[in-house]
Amino acid sequence: DELCTVSPFDMIRTRLMNQPSDAKIYNNALDCMIKIAKNEGPLTFWRGFMPIWSRFAPTTTLQLVIFEQLRGMMGMKAL
């Protein structure tokens, strides 16, 4: 599932965006990744997985259903 690979990057992005501008905690994405893994453990990258999944799942499901319906309308076989 792509969400399993996206979740760590989402965690890093969130940490970088939420750090104070006057007292930077992380220098860059790699520094952020290393500090999270070292200080909080590697499973931290998947913390918040359920909220992320609940945000992506409905959209992805609708996209697949609509895509399959459009393929059917155009006379194409389902995937």
C-alpha atoms as a PDB file:
ATOM      1  CA  ASP A   1       0.000   0.000   0.000  1.00  0.00           C
ATOM      2  CA  GLU A   2       1.404   3.372  -0.952  1.00  0.00           C
ATOM      3  CA  LEU A   3       0.259   4.877   2.314  1.00  0.00           C
ATOM      4  CA  CYS A   4       2.824   2.786   4.172  1.00  0.00           C
ATOM      5  CA  THR A   5       5.566   4.476   2.174  1.00  0.00           C
ATOM      6  CA  VAL A   6       4.009   7.958   2.231  1.00  0.00           C
ATOM      7  CA  SER A   7       3.449   8.095   5.999  1.00  0.00           C
ATOM      8  CA  PRO A   8       7.138   8.572   6.956  1.00  0.00           C
ATOM      9  CA  PHE A   9       7.518  11.427   4.463  1.00  0.00           C
ATOM     10  CA  ASP A  10       4.326  13.006   5.766  1.00  0.00           C
ATOM     11  CA  MET A  11       5.726  12.830   9.313  1.00  0.00           C
ATOM     12  CA  ILE A  12       8.991  14.470   8.223  1.00  0.00           C
ATOM     13  CA  ARG A  13       7.167  17.176   6.257  1.00  0.00           C
ATOM     14  CA  THR A  14       4.901  17.939   9.210  1.00  0.00           C
ATOM     15  CA  ARG A  15       7.816  18.178  11.635  1.00  0.00           C
ATOM     16  CA  LEU A  16       9.743  20.497   9.306  1.00  0.00           C
ATOM     17  CA  MET A  17       6.727  22.735   8.721  1.00  0.00           C
ATOM     18  CA  ASN A  18       5.818  22.961  12.415  1.00  0.00           C
ATOM     19  CA  GLN A  19       9.245  23.755  13.807  1.00  0.00           C
ATOM     20  CA  PRO A  20       9.694  27.311  15.123  1.00  0.00           C
ATOM     21  CA  SER A  21      11.379  29.614  12.631  1.00  0.00           C
ATOM     22  CA  ASP A  22      13.510  31.286  15.315  1.00  0.00           C
ATOM     23  CA  ALA A  23      14.774  28.030  16.881  1.00  0.00           C
ATOM     24  CA  LYS A  24      15.177  25.398  14.190  1.00  0.00           C
ATOM     25  CA  ILE A  25      15.210  21.826  15.442  1.00  0.00           C
ATOM     26  CA  TYR A  26      16.026  20.206  12.088  1.00  0.00           C
ATOM     27  CA  ASN A  27      18.397  21.430   9.386  1.00  0.00           C
ATOM     28  CA  ASN A  28      16.782  19.523   6.512  1.00  0.00           C
ATOM     29  CA  ALA A  29      14.677  16.436   5.748  1.00  0.00           C
ATOM     30  CA  LEU A  30      17.551  13.993   6.211  1.00  0.00           C
ATOM     31  CA  ASP A  31      18.508  15.552   9.549  1.00  0.00           C
ATOM     32  CA  CYS A  32      14.859  15.354  10.617  1.00  0.00           C
ATOM     33  CA  MET A  33      14.629  11.679   9.622  1.00  0.00           C
ATOM     34  CA  ILE A  34      17.806  10.769  11.507  1.00  0.00           C
ATOM     35  CA  LYS A  35      16.796  12.652  14.661  1.00  0.00           C
ATOM     36  CA  ILE A  36      13.309  11.111  14.711  1.00  0.00           C
ATOM     37  CA  ALA A  37      14.678   7.579  14.226  1.00  0.00           C
ATOM     38  CA  LYS A  38      17.420   8.068  16.833  1.00  0.00           C
ATOM     39  CA  ASN A  39      15.401   9.884  19.516  1.00  0.00           C
ATOM     40  CA  GLU A  40      11.922   8.395  19.114  1.00  0.00           C
ATOM     41  CA  GLY A  41      12.456   5.115  17.272  1.00  0.00           C
ATOM     42  CA  PRO A  42      11.667   4.115  13.691  1.00  0.00           C
ATOM     43  CA  LEU A  43       8.005   3.254  14.389  1.00  0.00           C
ATOM     44  CA  THR A  44       7.403   6.956  15.026  1.00  0.00           C
ATOM     45  CA  PHE A  45       7.335   7.479  11.261  1.00  0.00           C
ATOM     46  CA  TRP A  46       4.002   5.634  11.149  1.00  0.00           C
ATOM     47  CA  ARG A  47       2.465   7.429  14.135  1.00  0.00           C
ATOM     48  CA  GLY A  48      -0.806   8.951  13.000  1.00  0.00           C
ATOM     49  CA  PHE A  49      -1.258   6.295  10.313  1.00  0.00           C
ATOM     50  CA  MET A  50      -5.014   5.960  10.931  1.00  0.00           C
ATOM     51  CA  PRO A  51      -5.848   9.676  10.446  1.00  0.00           C
ATOM     52  CA  ILE A  52      -3.772   9.728   7.270  1.00  0.00           C
ATOM     53  CA  TRP A  53      -5.421   6.530   6.042  1.00  0.00           C
ATOM     54  CA  SER A  54      -8.896   7.855   6.827  1.00  0.00           C
ATOM     55  CA  ARG A  55      -8.082  10.950   4.765  1.00  0.00           C
ATOM     56  CA  PHE A  56      -6.774   9.028   1.739  1.00  0.00           C
ATOM     57  CA  ALA A  57      -9.044   5.963   1.687  1.00  0.00           C
ATOM     58  CA  PRO A  58     -12.327   7.633   0.633  1.00  0.00           C
ATOM     59  CA  THR A  59     -10.643   9.664  -2.097  1.00  0.00           C
ATOM     60  CA  THR A  60      -8.773   6.673  -3.476  1.00  0.00           C
ATOM     61  CA  THR A  61     -11.897   4.507  -3.412  1.00  0.00           C
ATOM     62  CA  LEU A  62     -13.952   7.117  -5.262  1.00  0.00           C
ATOM     63  CA  GLN A  63     -11.210   7.596  -7.847  1.00  0.00           C
ATOM     64  CA  LEU A  64     -11.099   3.861  -8.551  1.00  0.00           C
ATOM     65  CA  VAL A  65     -14.882   3.553  -8.849  1.00  0.00           C
ATOM     66  CA  ILE A  66     -15.126   6.590 -11.159  1.00  0.00           C
ATOM     67  CA  PHE A  67     -12.184   5.391 -13.237  1.00  0.00           C
ATOM     68  CA  GLU A  68     -13.743   1.955 -13.695  1.00  0.00           C
ATOM     69  CA  GLN A  69     -17.103   3.486 -14.637  1.00  0.00           C
ATOM     70  CA  LEU A  70     -15.452   5.740 -17.233  1.00  0.00           C
ATOM     71  CA  ARG A  71     -13.570   2.763 -18.683  1.00  0.00           C
ATOM     72  CA  GLY A  72     -16.883   0.900 -18.973  1.00  0.00           C
ATOM     73  CA  MET A  73     -18.531   3.852 -20.741  1.00  0.00           C
ATOM     74  CA  MET A  74     -15.717   3.925 -23.269  1.00  0.00           C
ATOM     75  CA  GLY A  75     -16.091   0.216 -23.981  1.00  0.00           C
ATOM     76  CA  MET A  76     -12.866  -0.767 -22.249  1.00  0.00           C
ATOM     77  CA  LYS A  77     -12.473  -3.783 -19.975  1.00  0.00           C
ATOM     78  CA  ALA A  78     -12.174  -3.348 -16.242  1.00  0.00           C
ATOM     79  CA  LEU A  79      -8.730  -3.509 -14.725  1.00  0.00           C
END
